[in-house]
């Protein structure tokens, strides 16, 4: 049986003779098979190239995203370290303030009822900035450190309030002490010579032994009489024995009396300061000469005025 053959005619536009190529059917089929295989391989290579190109683009995108995330993580680590350092500095400053307050209280003998509570708050502890590893991501360890830092901030806020109250109590104490000092008699009521002191003496009128509740300073009539401490004029009167008298209430149980004045210059209710002129020396009432009779009363009891004269 004759094999099938395929003939191919090649025409030329140059006028050359027609060429004929004859190929057997099996050769043609083999050629078509090879062409199909090559076409499939070419398609596979093209698909694989496109897939590799897409994977390369995705890889670049992921690398860029990872780089951005790593930079963000690095910045977060730096922020955490910064805040951890700030928290440590704040705690150290609070401890310094607390120790300073304790020193002031010890010097002034001021008790602190919250001392044990404060000791608990001002113990140094917690995370250190060096505890943070900047080479790893924000793992549970770092989340734990963040929570601990938040707790420390809350403790610092509470400790700050306690410390503020401590300093307020000290300020209140010194304000009260300043008020007490300003309201405590500390100077002589007038310039002059002492003619009679506090205690028992022989009466210049009866010649008998009597208790003298005040301190007498003799001076020329019209010499200024000054308040010996801050206070409020509580009474002005004329007394048969003491003559023109002015009484000042200094608070804290302290009262002073100035007698035998020729003229009283202040009215009841007036606030006066230490050294302010309140009257003029005279010879009113039962008196042997111009002088001021000065008394100091503490909680209603006459005390020695000489103990309250620093000048």
Protein backbone atom coordinates (compact mmCIF):
# COMPACT_ATOMS: atom_id res chain seq x y z
CA UNK A 1 0.00 0.00 0.00
CA UNK A 2 1.38 3.35 -0.96
CA UNK A 3 2.14 5.73 1.88
CA UNK A 4 0.41 9.07 1.94
CA UNK A 5 2.56 11.94 1.07
CA UNK A 6 2.12 15.71 1.33
CA UNK A 7 3.56 18.02 -1.25
CA UNK A 8 4.41 21.68 -0.58
CA UNK A 9 4.86 24.10 -3.51
CA UNK A 10 6.98 27.20 -3.01
CA UNK A 11 6.27 30.07 -5.35
CA UNK A 12 8.64 32.96 -5.85
CA UNK A 13 7.76 36.47 -7.09
CA UNK A 14 11.13 36.72 -8.79
CA UNK A 15 10.12 34.45 -11.62
CA UNK A 16 12.10 31.52 -10.33
CA UNK A 17 10.80 28.03 -11.00
CA UNK A 18 8.24 26.59 -8.57
CA UNK A 19 9.81 24.40 -5.94
CA UNK A 20 8.08 21.27 -4.70
CA UNK A 21 8.78 19.69 -1.34
CA UNK A 22 7.29 16.30 -0.61
CA UNK A 23 7.01 14.95 2.94
CA UNK A 24 5.55 11.76 4.21
CA UNK A 25 2.43 11.88 6.43
CA UNK A 26 4.30 10.49 9.43
CA UNK A 27 6.88 13.23 9.18
CA UNK A 28 4.19 15.88 9.06
CA UNK A 29 2.45 14.43 12.08
CA UNK A 30 5.76 14.30 13.93
CA UNK A 31 6.43 17.90 13.00
CA UNK A 32 2.98 18.98 14.22
CA UNK A 33 3.58 17.12 17.46
CA UNK A 34 6.89 18.89 18.01
CA UNK A 35 5.28 22.22 17.20
CA UNK A 36 2.51 21.57 19.72
CA UNK A 37 5.05 20.58 22.37
CA UNK A 38 7.07 23.71 21.71
CA UNK A 39 3.94 25.83 21.86
CA UNK A 40 2.94 24.27 25.20
CA UNK A 41 6.46 24.75 26.59
CA UNK A 42 6.45 28.34 25.44
CA UNK A 43 3.08 28.92 27.12
CA UNK A 44 4.28 27.31 30.33
CA UNK A 45 7.45 29.40 30.33
CA UNK A 46 5.44 32.55 29.72
CA UNK A 47 3.03 31.70 32.58
CA UNK A 48 5.92 30.83 34.86
CA UNK A 49 7.67 34.12 34.00
CA UNK A 50 4.53 36.10 34.76
CA UNK A 51 4.08 34.22 38.06
CA UNK A 52 7.72 34.83 39.02
CA UNK A 53 7.37 38.52 38.11
CA UNK A 54 4.24 38.81 40.25
CA UNK A 55 5.91 36.98 43.14
CA UNK A 56 8.91 39.31 42.85
CA UNK A 57 6.64 42.36 43.02
CA UNK A 58 4.80 40.90 46.02
CA UNK A 59 8.11 40.14 47.70
CA UNK A 60 9.27 43.72 47.20
CA UNK A 61 5.99 45.02 48.60
CA UNK A 62 6.24 42.73 51.62
CA UNK A 63 9.86 43.73 52.20
CA UNK A 64 8.87 47.39 52.07
CA UNK A 65 5.98 46.76 54.48
CA UNK A 66 8.22 44.80 56.84
CA UNK A 67 10.79 47.59 56.73
CA UNK A 68 8.12 50.16 57.63
CA UNK A 69 6.82 47.96 60.45
CA UNK A 70 10.33 47.40 61.77
CA UNK A 71 10.89 51.16 61.78
CA UNK A 72 7.59 51.67 63.63
CA UNK A 73 8.55 48.98 66.14
CA UNK A 74 11.95 50.60 66.61
CA UNK A 75 10.29 53.97 67.23
CA UNK A 76 7.89 52.35 69.69
CA UNK A 77 10.83 50.80 71.54
CA UNK A 78 12.53 54.20 71.71
CA UNK A 79 9.32 55.80 73.01
CA UNK A 80 8.92 53.07 75.62
CA UNK A 81 12.52 53.54 76.72
CA UNK A 82 12.06 57.32 76.89
CA UNK A 83 8.89 57.08 78.98
CA UNK A 84 10.44 54.44 81.21
CA UNK A 85 13.36 56.79 81.80
CA UNK A 86 10.99 59.69 82.54
CA UNK A 87 9.05 57.55 85.02
CA UNK A 88 12.30 56.60 86.77
CA UNK A 89 13.37 60.26 86.95
CA UNK A 90 9.98 61.28 88.35
CA UNK A 91 10.16 58.59 91.00
CA UNK A 92 13.66 59.67 92.01
CA UNK A 93 12.55 63.31 92.26
CA UNK A 94 9.55 62.31 94.37
CA UNK A 95 11.83 60.33 96.65
CA UNK A 96 14.09 63.37 97.01
CA UNK A 97 11.08 65.55 97.87
CA UNK A 98 9.82 62.97 100.35
CA UNK A 99 13.22 62.79 102.07
CA UNK A 100 13.35 66.60 102.14
CA UNK A 101 9.91 66.68 103.75
CA UNK A 102 11.01 64.12 106.36
CA UNK A 103 14.05 66.25 107.17
CA UNK A 104 11.88 69.37 107.61
CA UNK A 105 9.43 67.47 109.80
CA UNK A 106 12.28 66.12 111.92
CA UNK A 107 13.80 69.59 112.34
CA UNK A 108 10.45 71.18 113.24
CA UNK A 109 9.24 68.14 115.22
CA UNK A 110 6.13 67.82 113.03
CA UNK A 111 4.52 64.40 113.09
CA UNK A 112 3.19 62.83 109.90
CA UNK A 113 0.26 60.45 110.29
CA UNK A 114 0.68 59.18 106.71
CA UNK A 115 4.34 58.27 107.14
CA UNK A 116 3.88 54.50 106.70
CA UNK A 117 1.66 55.00 103.67
CA UNK A 118 4.19 57.31 102.07
CA UNK A 119 7.05 54.90 102.80
CA UNK A 120 5.15 52.32 100.77
CA UNK A 121 4.68 54.62 97.82
CA UNK A 122 8.21 55.98 97.75
CA UNK A 123 10.07 52.67 97.51
CA UNK A 124 12.03 52.56 94.28
CA UNK A 125 11.22 49.65 91.97
CA UNK A 126 9.65 48.70 88.67
CA UNK A 127 10.99 48.34 85.16
CA UNK A 128 14.18 49.91 83.94
CA UNK A 129 14.63 51.33 80.42
CA UNK A 130 17.46 48.82 79.97
CA UNK A 131 14.92 45.98 80.33
CA UNK A 132 13.61 46.74 76.83
CA UNK A 133 15.18 44.74 73.99
CA UNK A 134 15.06 46.86 70.83
CA UNK A 135 15.94 43.88 68.60
CA UNK A 136 12.67 42.01 69.04
CA UNK A 137 9.07 42.86 68.31
CA UNK A 138 6.46 44.01 70.83
CA UNK A 139 5.98 40.63 72.41
CA UNK A 140 4.08 39.78 75.58
CA UNK A 141 7.16 40.84 77.56
CA UNK A 142 6.90 44.37 76.23
CA UNK A 143 3.14 44.46 76.65
CA UNK A 144 3.73 43.47 80.26
CA UNK A 145 6.26 46.28 80.63
CA UNK A 146 3.75 48.73 79.17
CA UNK A 147 1.12 47.63 81.70
CA UNK A 148 3.66 47.91 84.51
CA UNK A 149 4.64 51.41 83.36
CA UNK A 150 0.98 52.43 83.36
CA UNK A 151 0.61 51.13 86.92
CA UNK A 152 3.72 53.06 87.95
CA UNK A 153 2.28 56.25 86.45
CA UNK A 154 -0.89 55.74 88.50
CA UNK A 155 1.22 55.20 91.63
CA UNK A 156 3.23 58.34 90.89
CA UNK A 157 0.02 60.36 90.49
CA UNK A 158 -1.22 59.13 93.86
CA UNK A 159 2.18 59.67 95.49
CA UNK A 160 2.24 63.21 94.07
CA UNK A 161 -1.11 63.96 95.69
CA UNK A 162 0.12 62.57 99.02
CA UNK A 163 3.34 64.57 98.75
CA UNK A 164 1.36 67.72 97.94
CA UNK A 165 -0.80 67.19 101.02
CA UNK A 166 2.36 66.68 103.09
CA UNK A 167 3.85 70.00 102.00
CA UNK A 168 0.49 71.74 102.49
CA UNK A 169 0.37 70.48 106.07
CA UNK A 170 3.94 71.74 106.66
CA UNK A 171 3.04 75.11 105.14
CA UNK A 172 -0.06 75.26 107.31
CA UNK A 173 2.05 74.44 110.37
CA UNK A 174 4.56 77.21 109.64
CA UNK A 175 1.77 79.67 108.82
CA UNK A 176 0.24 78.87 112.18
CA UNK A 177 3.63 79.18 113.87
CA UNK A 178 4.22 82.50 112.15
CA UNK A 179 0.80 83.67 113.31
CA UNK A 180 1.59 82.50 116.85
CA UNK A 181 5.00 84.22 116.81
CA UNK A 182 3.52 87.44 115.44
CA UNK A 183 0.79 87.28 118.09
CA UNK A 184 3.18 86.57 120.97
CA UNK A 185 4.36 89.63 122.96
CA UNK A 186 8.06 90.12 122.38
CA UNK A 187 8.99 93.78 123.00
CA UNK A 188 8.70 96.44 125.73
CA UNK A 189 5.54 98.54 125.46
CA UNK A 190 7.45 101.82 125.89
CA UNK A 191 10.91 103.31 126.22
CA UNK A 192 11.73 104.17 129.81
CA UNK A 193 13.04 102.89 133.09
CA UNK A 194 11.61 99.92 134.97
CA UNK A 195 10.08 101.01 138.29
CA UNK A 196 8.27 97.85 139.36
CA UNK A 197 8.42 94.22 138.23
CA UNK A 198 6.03 91.26 138.31
CA UNK A 199 5.52 89.57 141.69
CA UNK A 200 5.27 90.49 145.35
CA UNK A 201 6.24 94.03 146.39
CA UNK A 202 5.54 96.67 149.05
CA UNK A 203 2.55 98.77 148.02
CA UNK A 204 3.50 102.45 147.43
CA UNK A 205 0.06 103.41 148.74
CA UNK A 206 -0.49 101.18 151.79
CA UNK A 207 3.03 100.05 152.60
CA UNK A 208 1.75 96.49 152.79
CA UNK A 209 3.02 93.46 150.88
CA UNK A 210 0.96 92.85 147.76
CA UNK A 211 1.15 90.93 144.50
CA UNK A 212 1.89 93.13 141.50
CA UNK A 213 0.37 91.56 138.36
CA UNK A 214 2.22 93.74 135.90
CA UNK A 215 5.38 95.52 134.88
CA UNK A 216 5.80 99.31 135.29
CA UNK A 217 7.85 101.47 132.94
CA UNK A 218 8.24 105.14 133.80
CA UNK A 219 8.61 107.77 131.08
CA UNK A 220 7.70 111.36 130.27
CA UNK A 221 3.97 111.93 129.80
CA UNK A 222 3.04 111.64 126.13
CA UNK A 223 5.68 108.98 125.40
CA UNK A 224 4.22 106.47 122.88
CA UNK A 225 2.87 103.14 124.13
CA UNK A 226 3.10 100.43 121.45
CA UNK A 227 1.42 97.06 120.97
CA UNK A 228 3.83 94.30 121.92
CA UNK A 229 2.35 91.84 119.37
CA UNK A 230 -0.24 91.62 116.61
CA UNK A 231 -3.79 91.52 117.86
CA UNK A 232 -7.23 93.13 118.05
CA UNK A 233 -8.22 95.82 120.53
CA UNK A 234 -10.87 94.13 122.65
CA UNK A 235 -11.51 96.83 125.26
CA UNK A 236 -10.82 100.47 126.12
CA UNK A 237 -12.02 101.93 129.42
CA UNK A 238 -11.34 104.22 132.32
CA UNK A 239 -10.71 102.34 135.55
CA UNK A 240 -10.54 104.03 138.94
CA UNK A 241 -7.32 102.21 139.82
CA UNK A 242 -5.75 101.74 136.38
CA UNK A 243 -6.98 104.93 134.72
CA UNK A 244 -7.22 104.93 130.92
CA UNK A 245 -6.72 101.30 129.92
CA UNK A 246 -6.51 99.51 126.57
CA UNK A 247 -6.69 95.71 126.24
CA UNK A 248 -5.49 93.74 123.19
CA UNK A 249 -6.48 90.15 122.41
CA UNK A 250 -3.67 88.41 120.51
CA UNK A 251 -5.38 85.06 120.11
CA UNK A 252 -4.03 81.70 121.23
CA UNK A 253 -5.08 82.60 124.79
CA UNK A 254 -2.77 85.64 124.93
CA UNK A 255 -4.03 89.07 126.18
CA UNK A 256 -2.10 92.24 127.10
CA UNK A 257 -3.24 95.26 129.14
CA UNK A 258 -1.78 98.81 129.10
CA UNK A 259 -2.87 101.19 131.90
CA UNK A 260 -2.54 104.78 133.20
CA UNK A 261 -2.46 106.22 129.65
CA UNK A 262 -2.99 109.92 129.12
CA UNK A 263 -4.69 109.22 125.80
CA UNK A 264 -5.94 106.08 124.04
CA UNK A 265 -5.46 106.15 120.24
CA UNK A 266 -7.27 102.97 119.17
CA UNK A 267 -10.90 101.89 119.35
CA UNK A 268 -12.29 98.42 120.13
CA UNK A 269 -12.21 96.15 117.08
CA UNK A 270 -9.11 97.76 115.58
CA UNK A 271 -6.37 95.41 114.41
CA UNK A 272 -2.89 96.48 115.49
CA UNK A 273 0.58 95.21 114.64
CA UNK A 274 3.59 94.79 116.88
CA UNK A 275 5.27 98.17 117.40
CA UNK A 276 2.19 100.20 116.40
CA UNK A 277 1.38 103.15 118.71
CA UNK A 278 -1.86 102.52 120.62
CA UNK A 279 -1.75 105.10 123.44
CA UNK A 280 0.36 107.73 125.22
CA UNK A 281 1.93 107.40 128.66
CA UNK A 282 0.11 109.29 131.39
CA UNK A 283 -0.66 109.47 135.11
CA UNK A 284 -4.36 108.61 135.17
CA UNK A 285 -5.98 106.43 137.86
CA UNK A 286 -4.17 105.57 141.07
CA UNK A 287 -0.57 106.38 140.18
CA UNK A 288 2.51 107.95 141.73
CA UNK A 289 3.82 109.33 138.43
CA UNK A 290 3.62 109.05 134.65
CA UNK A 291 4.24 105.47 133.60
CA UNK A 292 2.62 102.52 131.82
CA UNK A 293 1.39 99.54 133.81
CA UNK A 294 1.77 96.54 131.48
CA UNK A 295 0.20 93.11 132.02
CA UNK A 296 0.38 89.83 130.09
CA UNK A 297 -2.34 87.18 130.57
CA UNK A 298 -2.08 83.63 129.23
CA UNK A 299 -5.35 81.69 129.26
CA UNK A 300 -6.74 84.16 131.80
CA UNK A 301 -3.78 83.90 134.21
CA UNK A 302 -1.33 86.82 134.74
CA UNK A 303 2.24 85.85 133.79
CA UNK A 304 5.56 87.66 134.09
CA UNK A 305 5.79 90.24 131.24
CA UNK A 306 9.58 90.21 131.53
CA UNK A 307 9.54 86.73 129.98
CA UNK A 308 8.01 88.28 126.83
CA UNK A 309 10.51 91.11 126.32
CA UNK A 310 13.35 90.48 123.90
CA UNK A 311 14.51 94.09 123.72
